[in-house]
Amino acid sequence: MRKSIRYGWTYMFTRPLFQTRDMAKQGKALQQLTALAESGQIRTTRNEHLGALTPDTLRTAHQRLLRGDAIGKLTLTVS
């Protein structure tokens, strides 16, 4: 095929959801990912943190996503 497309879906919490025998692998993978991010070897796709999750910040995030001018991920803090 000269042109093709592939769509793949990965659910991060499959192991804990289904209580698989190899659940510890997820913890190890997250530890490795954390180490890579903290050392600067990989970068997050988070571009902007909008603050605490409130009706106003959620509205702002939603409006930005609808406008299509958000670059990277917008994040909110849940306390």
PDB file of N, CA and C in Angstrom:
ATOM      1  N   MET A   1       0.837  -1.184   0.000  1.00  0.00           N
ATOM      2  CA  MET A   1       0.000   0.000   0.000  1.00  0.00           C
ATOM      3  C   MET A   1       0.879   1.244   0.000  1.00  0.00           C
ATOM      4  N   ARG A   2       0.583   2.126  -0.891  1.00  0.00           N
ATOM      5  CA  ARG A   2       1.353   3.368  -0.924  1.00  0.00           C
ATOM      6  C   ARG A   2       0.944   4.292   0.203  1.00  0.00           C
ATOM      7  N   LYS A   3      -0.327   4.281   0.527  1.00  0.00           N
ATOM      8  CA  LYS A   3      -0.814   5.113   1.627  1.00  0.00           C
ATOM      9  C   LYS A   3      -1.645   4.233   2.550  1.00  0.00           C
ATOM     10  N   SER A   4      -1.427   4.394   3.807  1.00  0.00           N
ATOM     11  CA  SER A   4      -2.215   3.616   4.768  1.00  0.00           C
ATOM     12  C   SER A   4      -2.311   4.393   6.065  1.00  0.00           C
ATOM     13  N   ILE A   5      -3.238   4.002   6.864  1.00  0.00           N
ATOM     14  CA  ILE A   5      -3.423   4.627   8.163  1.00  0.00           C
ATOM     15  C   ILE A   5      -3.642   3.532   9.197  1.00  0.00           C
ATOM     16  N   ARG A   6      -3.196   3.794  10.385  1.00  0.00           N
ATOM     17  CA  ARG A   6      -3.397   2.843  11.469  1.00  0.00           C
ATOM     18  C   ARG A   6      -3.859   3.618  12.691  1.00  0.00           C
ATOM     19  N   TYR A   7      -4.831   3.082  13.345  1.00  0.00           N
ATOM     20  CA  TYR A   7      -5.341   3.698  14.566  1.00  0.00           C
ATOM     21  C   TYR A   7      -5.163   2.686  15.685  1.00  0.00           C
ATOM     22  N   GLY A   8      -4.510   3.098  16.730  1.00  0.00           N
ATOM     23  CA  GLY A   8      -4.305   2.203  17.871  1.00  0.00           C
ATOM     24  C   GLY A   8      -4.757   2.882  19.146  1.00  0.00           C
ATOM     25  N   TRP A   9      -5.364   2.130  20.024  1.00  0.00           N
ATOM     26  CA  TRP A   9      -5.854   2.658  21.286  1.00  0.00           C
ATOM     27  C   TRP A   9      -5.175   1.904  22.412  1.00  0.00           C
ATOM     28  N   THR A  10      -4.588   2.628  23.331  1.00  0.00           N
ATOM     29  CA  THR A  10      -3.951   2.020  24.484  1.00  0.00           C
ATOM     30  C   THR A  10      -4.555   2.640  25.732  1.00  0.00           C
ATOM     31  N   TYR A  11      -5.025   1.802  26.624  1.00  0.00           N
ATOM     32  CA  TYR A  11      -5.597   2.285  27.871  1.00  0.00           C
ATOM     33  C   TYR A  11      -4.572   2.080  28.972  1.00  0.00           C
ATOM     34  N   MET A  12      -4.152   3.169  29.590  1.00  0.00           N
ATOM     35  CA  MET A  12      -3.071   3.131  30.573  1.00  0.00           C
ATOM     36  C   MET A  12      -3.406   2.296  31.801  1.00  0.00           C
ATOM     37  N   PHE A  13      -4.666   2.201  32.158  1.00  0.00           N
ATOM     38  CA  PHE A  13      -5.028   1.547  33.410  1.00  0.00           C
ATOM     39  C   PHE A  13      -5.635   0.160  33.219  1.00  0.00           C
ATOM     40  N   THR A  14      -5.316  -0.503  32.117  1.00  0.00           N
ATOM     41  CA  THR A  14      -5.849  -1.843  31.865  1.00  0.00           C
ATOM     42  C   THR A  14      -5.424  -2.819  32.953  1.00  0.00           C
ATOM     43  N   ARG A  15      -4.153  -2.813  33.306  1.00  0.00           N
ATOM     44  CA  ARG A  15      -3.672  -3.778  34.307  1.00  0.00           C
ATOM     45  C   ARG A  15      -4.389  -3.619  35.647  1.00  0.00           C
ATOM     46  N   PRO A  16      -4.461  -2.413  36.216  1.00  0.00           N
ATOM     47  CA  PRO A  16      -5.171  -2.296  37.491  1.00  0.00           C
ATOM     48  C   PRO A  16      -6.675  -2.564  37.363  1.00  0.00           C
ATOM     49  N   LEU A  17      -7.256  -2.155  36.255  1.00  0.00           N
ATOM     50  CA  LEU A  17      -8.685  -2.360  36.075  1.00  0.00           C
ATOM     51  C   LEU A  17      -9.046  -3.842  36.095  1.00  0.00           C
ATOM     52  N   PHE A  18      -8.204  -4.643  35.442  1.00  0.00           N
ATOM     53  CA  PHE A  18      -8.489  -6.071  35.344  1.00  0.00           C
ATOM     54  C   PHE A  18      -7.656  -6.906  36.315  1.00  0.00           C
ATOM     55  N   GLN A  19      -6.915  -6.234  37.209  1.00  0.00           N
ATOM     56  CA  GLN A  19      -6.122  -6.923  38.234  1.00  0.00           C
ATOM     57  C   GLN A  19      -5.244  -8.018  37.630  1.00  0.00           C
ATOM     58  N   THR A  20      -4.462  -7.670  36.604  1.00  0.00           N
ATOM     59  CA  THR A  20      -3.610  -8.650  35.940  1.00  0.00           C
ATOM     60  C   THR A  20      -2.448  -9.050  36.839  1.00  0.00           C
ATOM     61  N   ARG A  21      -1.865 -10.188  36.536  1.00  0.00           N
ATOM     62  CA  ARG A  21      -0.749 -10.700  37.345  1.00  0.00           C
ATOM     63  C   ARG A  21       0.494  -9.841  37.222  1.00  0.00           C
ATOM     64  N   ASP A  22       0.610  -9.090  36.140  1.00  0.00           N
ATOM     65  CA  ASP A  22       1.814  -8.291  35.915  1.00  0.00           C
ATOM     66  C   ASP A  22       1.586  -6.799  36.186  1.00  0.00           C
ATOM     67  N   MET A  23       0.731  -6.508  37.147  1.00  0.00           N
ATOM     68  CA  MET A  23       0.423  -5.106  37.465  1.00  0.00           C
ATOM     69  C   MET A  23       1.660  -4.309  37.863  1.00  0.00           C
ATOM     70  N   ALA A  24       2.646  -4.942  38.453  1.00  0.00           N
ATOM     71  CA  ALA A  24       3.858  -4.240  38.887  1.00  0.00           C
ATOM     72  C   ALA A  24       4.603  -3.624  37.705  1.00  0.00           C
ATOM     73  N   LYS A  25       4.422  -4.174  36.505  1.00  0.00           N
ATOM     74  CA  LYS A  25       5.089  -3.623  35.324  1.00  0.00           C
ATOM     75  C   LYS A  25       4.669  -2.186  35.072  1.00  0.00           C
ATOM     76  N   GLN A  26       3.422  -1.866  35.361  1.00  0.00           N
ATOM     77  CA  GLN A  26       2.959  -0.503  35.141  1.00  0.00           C
ATOM     78  C   GLN A  26       3.683   0.461  36.067  1.00  0.00           C
ATOM     79  N   GLY A  27       3.843   0.074  37.332  1.00  0.00           N
ATOM     80  CA  GLY A  27       4.575   0.920  38.266  1.00  0.00           C
ATOM     81  C   GLY A  27       6.006   1.149  37.826  1.00  0.00           C
ATOM     82  N   LYS A  28       6.654   0.089  37.338  1.00  0.00           N
ATOM     83  CA  LYS A  28       8.034   0.221  36.860  1.00  0.00           C
ATOM     84  C   LYS A  28       8.100   1.140  35.643  1.00  0.00           C
ATOM     85  N   ALA A  29       7.132   0.986  34.742  1.00  0.00           N
ATOM     86  CA  ALA A  29       7.115   1.838  33.548  1.00  0.00           C
ATOM     87  C   ALA A  29       6.915   3.298  33.932  1.00  0.00           C
ATOM     88  N   LEU A  30       6.039   3.558  34.895  1.00  0.00           N
ATOM     89  CA  LEU A  30       5.807   4.937  35.333  1.00  0.00           C
ATOM     90  C   LEU A  30       7.036   5.508  36.037  1.00  0.00           C
ATOM     91  N   GLN A  31       7.752   4.678  36.792  1.00  0.00           N
ATOM     92  CA  GLN A  31       8.981   5.137  37.436  1.00  0.00           C
ATOM     93  C   GLN A  31      10.025   5.504  36.386  1.00  0.00           C
ATOM     94  N   GLN A  32      10.153   4.680  35.347  1.00  0.00           N
ATOM     95  CA  GLN A  32      11.104   4.981  34.279  1.00  0.00           C
ATOM     96  C   GLN A  32      10.716   6.264  33.553  1.00  0.00           C
ATOM     97  N   LEU A  33       9.453   6.425  33.294  1.00  0.00           N
ATOM     98  CA  LEU A  33       8.973   7.624  32.619  1.00  0.00           C
ATOM     99  C   LEU A  33       9.246   8.869  33.457  1.00  0.00           C
ATOM    100  N   THR A  34       9.008   8.765  34.756  1.00  0.00           N
ATOM    101  CA  THR A  34       9.290   9.882  35.664  1.00  0.00           C
ATOM    102  C   THR A  34      10.766  10.247  35.638  1.00  0.00           C
ATOM    103  N   ALA A  35      11.628   9.239  35.692  1.00  0.00           N
ATOM    104  CA  ALA A  35      13.075   9.487  35.674  1.00  0.00           C
ATOM    105  C   ALA A  35      13.494  10.168  34.375  1.00  0.00           C
ATOM    106  N   LEU A  36      12.952   9.727  33.248  1.00  0.00           N
ATOM    107  CA  LEU A  36      13.287  10.336  31.963  1.00  0.00           C
ATOM    108  C   LEU A  36      12.813  11.791  31.906  1.00  0.00           C
ATOM    109  N   ALA A  37      11.618  12.050  32.414  1.00  0.00           N
ATOM    110  CA  ALA A  37      11.084  13.414  32.404  1.00  0.00           C
ATOM    111  C   ALA A  37      11.893  14.321  33.325  1.00  0.00           C
ATOM    112  N   GLU A  38      12.226  13.822  34.507  1.00  0.00           N
ATOM    113  CA  GLU A  38      12.976  14.644  35.464  1.00  0.00           C
ATOM    114  C   GLU A  38      14.396  14.918  34.994  1.00  0.00           C
ATOM    115  N   SER A  39      14.974  14.009  34.224  1.00  0.00           N
ATOM    116  CA  SER A  39      16.338  14.214  33.724  1.00  0.00           C
ATOM    117  C   SER A  39      16.364  15.059  32.461  1.00  0.00           C
ATOM    118  N   GLY A  40      15.195  15.376  31.914  1.00  0.00           N
ATOM    119  CA  GLY A  40      15.129  16.197  30.718  1.00  0.00           C
ATOM    120  C   GLY A  40      15.308  15.424  29.419  1.00  0.00           C
ATOM    121  N   GLN A  41      15.363  14.097  29.492  1.00  0.00           N
ATOM    122  CA  GLN A  41      15.542  13.294  28.281  1.00  0.00           C
ATOM    123  C   GLN A  41      14.273  13.250  27.430  1.00  0.00           C
ATOM    124  N   ILE A  42      13.128  13.421  28.070  1.00  0.00           N
ATOM    125  CA  ILE A  42      11.871  13.552  27.339  1.00  0.00           C
ATOM    126  C   ILE A  42      11.141  14.758  27.898  1.00  0.00           C
ATOM    127  N   ARG A  43      10.263  15.312  27.094  1.00  0.00           N
ATOM    128  CA  ARG A  43       9.499  16.476  27.529  1.00  0.00           C
ATOM    129  C   ARG A  43       8.018  16.139  27.553  1.00  0.00           C
ATOM    130  N   THR A  44       7.326  16.785  28.423  1.00  0.00           N
ATOM    131  CA  THR A  44       5.882  16.626  28.500  1.00  0.00           C
ATOM    132  C   THR A  44       5.214  17.394  27.367  1.00  0.00           C
ATOM    133  N   THR A  45       3.998  17.003  27.022  1.00  0.00           N
ATOM    134  CA  THR A  45       3.235  17.740  26.023  1.00  0.00           C
ATOM    135  C   THR A  45       2.414  18.850  26.675  1.00  0.00           C
ATOM    136  N   ARG A  46       2.521  18.955  28.017  1.00  0.00           N
ATOM    137  CA  ARG A  46       1.802  20.030  28.713  1.00  0.00           C
ATOM    138  C   ARG A  46       2.424  21.361  28.334  1.00  0.00           C
ATOM    139  N   ASN A  47       1.576  22.257  27.885  1.00  0.00           N
ATOM    140  CA  ASN A  47       2.051  23.571  27.489  1.00  0.00           C
ATOM    141  C   ASN A  47       1.603  24.654  28.460  1.00  0.00           C
ATOM    142  N   GLU A  48       0.433  24.450  29.065  1.00  0.00           N
ATOM    143  CA  GLU A  48      -0.108  25.496  29.929  1.00  0.00           C
ATOM    144  C   GLU A  48      -0.912  24.884  31.067  1.00  0.00           C
ATOM    145  N   HIS A  49      -0.673  25.384  32.268  1.00  0.00           N
ATOM    146  CA  HIS A  49      -1.442  24.964  33.437  1.00  0.00           C
ATOM    147  C   HIS A  49      -2.390  26.100  33.788  1.00  0.00           C
ATOM    148  N   LEU A  50      -3.680  25.806  33.831  1.00  0.00           N
ATOM    149  CA  LEU A  50      -4.679  26.853  34.037  1.00  0.00           C
ATOM    150  C   LEU A  50      -5.081  27.046  35.496  1.00  0.00           C
ATOM    151  N   GLY A  51      -4.529  26.249  36.402  1.00  0.00           N
ATOM    152  CA  GLY A  51      -4.833  26.402  37.819  1.00  0.00           C
ATOM    153  C   GLY A  51      -5.771  25.322  38.320  1.00  0.00           C
ATOM    154  N   ALA A  52      -6.446  25.637  39.413  1.00  0.00           N
ATOM    155  CA  ALA A  52      -7.348  24.685  40.058  1.00  0.00           C
ATOM    156  C   ALA A  52      -8.591  24.443  39.191  1.00  0.00           C
ATOM    157  N   LEU A  53      -9.157  23.269  39.331  1.00  0.00           N
ATOM    158  CA  LEU A  53     -10.382  22.918  38.616  1.00  0.00           C
ATOM    159  C   LEU A  53     -11.553  23.651  39.248  1.00  0.00           C
ATOM    160  N   THR A  54     -12.013  24.662  38.543  1.00  0.00           N
ATOM    161  CA  THR A  54     -13.180  25.437  38.964  1.00  0.00           C
ATOM    162  C   THR A  54     -14.079  25.595  37.740  1.00  0.00           C
ATOM    163  N   PRO A  55     -15.307  26.023  37.924  1.00  0.00           N
ATOM    164  CA  PRO A  55     -16.151  26.256  36.740  1.00  0.00           C
ATOM    165  C   PRO A  55     -15.511  27.240  35.754  1.00  0.00           C
ATOM    166  N   ASP A  56     -14.863  28.261  36.262  1.00  0.00           N
ATOM    167  CA  ASP A  56     -14.250  29.262  35.379  1.00  0.00           C
ATOM    168  C   ASP A  56     -13.064  28.700  34.599  1.00  0.00           C
ATOM    169  N   THR A  57     -12.160  27.978  35.278  1.00  0.00           N
ATOM    170  CA  THR A  57     -11.000  27.438  34.565  1.00  0.00           C
ATOM    171  C   THR A  57     -11.419  26.327  33.599  1.00  0.00           C
ATOM    172  N   LEU A  58     -12.417  25.555  33.965  1.00  0.00           N
ATOM    173  CA  LEU A  58     -12.918  24.518  33.062  1.00  0.00           C
ATOM    174  C   LEU A  58     -13.541  25.163  31.827  1.00  0.00           C
ATOM    175  N   ARG A  59     -14.274  26.235  32.024  1.00  0.00           N
ATOM    176  CA  ARG A  59     -14.875  26.962  30.900  1.00  0.00           C
ATOM    177  C   ARG A  59     -13.787  27.530  29.991  1.00  0.00           C
ATOM    178  N   THR A  60     -12.759  28.104  30.597  1.00  0.00           N
ATOM    179  CA  THR A  60     -11.645  28.658  29.823  1.00  0.00           C
ATOM    180  C   THR A  60     -10.972  27.577  28.987  1.00  0.00           C
ATOM    181  N   ALA A  61     -10.676  26.447  29.621  1.00  0.00           N
ATOM    182  CA  ALA A  61     -10.033  25.342  28.897  1.00  0.00           C
ATOM    183  C   ALA A  61     -10.917  24.861  27.755  1.00  0.00           C
ATOM    184  N   HIS A  62     -12.189  24.713  28.026  1.00  0.00           N
ATOM    185  CA  HIS A  62     -13.112  24.234  26.998  1.00  0.00           C
ATOM    186  C   HIS A  62     -13.183  25.206  25.828  1.00  0.00           C
ATOM    187  N   GLN A  63     -13.260  26.495  26.114  1.00  0.00           N
ATOM    188  CA  GLN A  63     -13.300  27.506  25.054  1.00  0.00           C
ATOM    189  C   GLN A  63     -12.035  27.472  24.209  1.00  0.00           C
ATOM    190  N   ARG A  64     -10.889  27.327  24.870  1.00  0.00           N
ATOM    191  CA  ARG A  64      -9.614  27.260  24.137  1.00  0.00           C
ATOM    192  C   ARG A  64      -9.578  26.051  23.215  1.00  0.00           C
ATOM    193  N   LEU A  65     -10.057  24.921  23.705  1.00  0.00           N
ATOM    194  CA  LEU A  65     -10.061  23.715  22.880  1.00  0.00           C
ATOM    195  C   LEU A  65     -11.034  23.842  21.711  1.00  0.00           C
ATOM    196  N   LEU A  66     -12.176  24.450  21.953  1.00  0.00           N
ATOM    197  CA  LEU A  66     -13.144  24.652  20.873  1.00  0.00           C
ATOM    198  C   LEU A  66     -12.607  25.600  19.799  1.00  0.00           C
ATOM    199  N   ARG A  67     -11.885  26.640  20.233  1.00  0.00           N
ATOM    200  CA  ARG A  67     -11.311  27.588  19.276  1.00  0.00           C
ATOM    201  C   ARG A  67     -10.206  26.941  18.446  1.00  0.00           C
ATOM    202  N   GLY A  68      -9.554  25.941  19.030  1.00  0.00           N
ATOM    203  CA  GLY A  68      -8.484  25.257  18.312  1.00  0.00           C
ATOM    204  C   GLY A  68      -7.149  25.958  18.373  1.00  0.00           C
ATOM    205  N   ASP A  69      -6.966  26.877  19.328  1.00  0.00           N
ATOM    206  CA  ASP A  69      -5.685  27.577  19.405  1.00  0.00           C
ATOM    207  C   ASP A  69      -4.770  27.056  20.512  1.00  0.00           C
ATOM    208  N   ALA A  70      -5.172  25.982  21.159  1.00  0.00           N
ATOM    209  CA  ALA A  70      -4.337  25.397  22.213  1.00  0.00           C
ATOM    210  C   ALA A  70      -3.228  24.570  21.561  1.00  0.00           C
ATOM    211  N   ILE A  71      -2.017  24.779  22.013  1.00  0.00           N
ATOM    212  CA  ILE A  71      -0.883  23.991  21.539  1.00  0.00           C
ATOM    213  C   ILE A  71      -0.443  23.113  22.697  1.00  0.00           C
ATOM    214  N   GLY A  72      -0.377  21.818  22.494  1.00  0.00           N
ATOM    215  CA  GLY A  72      -0.038  20.901  23.566  1.00  0.00           C
ATOM    216  C   GLY A  72      -1.224  20.689  24.480  1.00  0.00           C
ATOM    217  N   LYS A  73      -0.948  20.253  25.689  1.00  0.00           N
ATOM    218  CA  LYS A  73      -2.011  19.943  26.647  1.00  0.00           C
ATOM    219  C   LYS A  73      -2.268  21.109  27.577  1.00  0.00           C
ATOM    220  N   LEU A  74      -3.518  21.304  27.923  1.00  0.00           N
ATOM    221  CA  LEU A  74      -3.922  22.239  28.961  1.00  0.00           C
ATOM    222  C   LEU A  74      -4.201  21.401  30.202  1.00  0.00           C
ATOM    223  N   THR A  75      -3.723  21.818  31.338  1.00  0.00           N
ATOM    224  CA  THR A  75      -3.949  21.033  32.558  1.00  0.00           C
ATOM    225  C   THR A  75      -4.629  21.854  33.629  1.00  0.00           C
ATOM    226  N   LEU A  76      -5.338  21.147  34.503  1.00  0.00           N
ATOM    227  CA  LEU A  76      -6.000  21.722  35.660  1.00  0.00           C
ATOM    228  C   LEU A  76      -5.627  20.885  36.870  1.00  0.00           C
ATOM    229  N   THR A  77      -5.563  21.480  38.035  1.00  0.00           N
ATOM    230  CA  THR A  77      -5.245  20.767  39.257  1.00  0.00           C
ATOM    231  C   THR A  77      -6.531  20.386  39.975  1.00  0.00           C
ATOM    232  N   VAL A  78      -6.626  19.136  40.381  1.00  0.00           N
ATOM    233  CA  VAL A  78      -7.767  18.665  41.176  1.00  0.00           C
ATOM    234  C   VAL A  78      -7.246  18.431  42.578  1.00  0.00           C
ATOM    235  N   SER A  79      -7.868  19.099  43.553  1.00  0.00           N
ATOM    236  CA  SER A  79      -7.398  18.922  44.932  1.00  0.00           C
ATOM    237  C   SER A  79      -8.342  18.073  45.728  1.00  0.00           C
TER     238      SER A  79
END
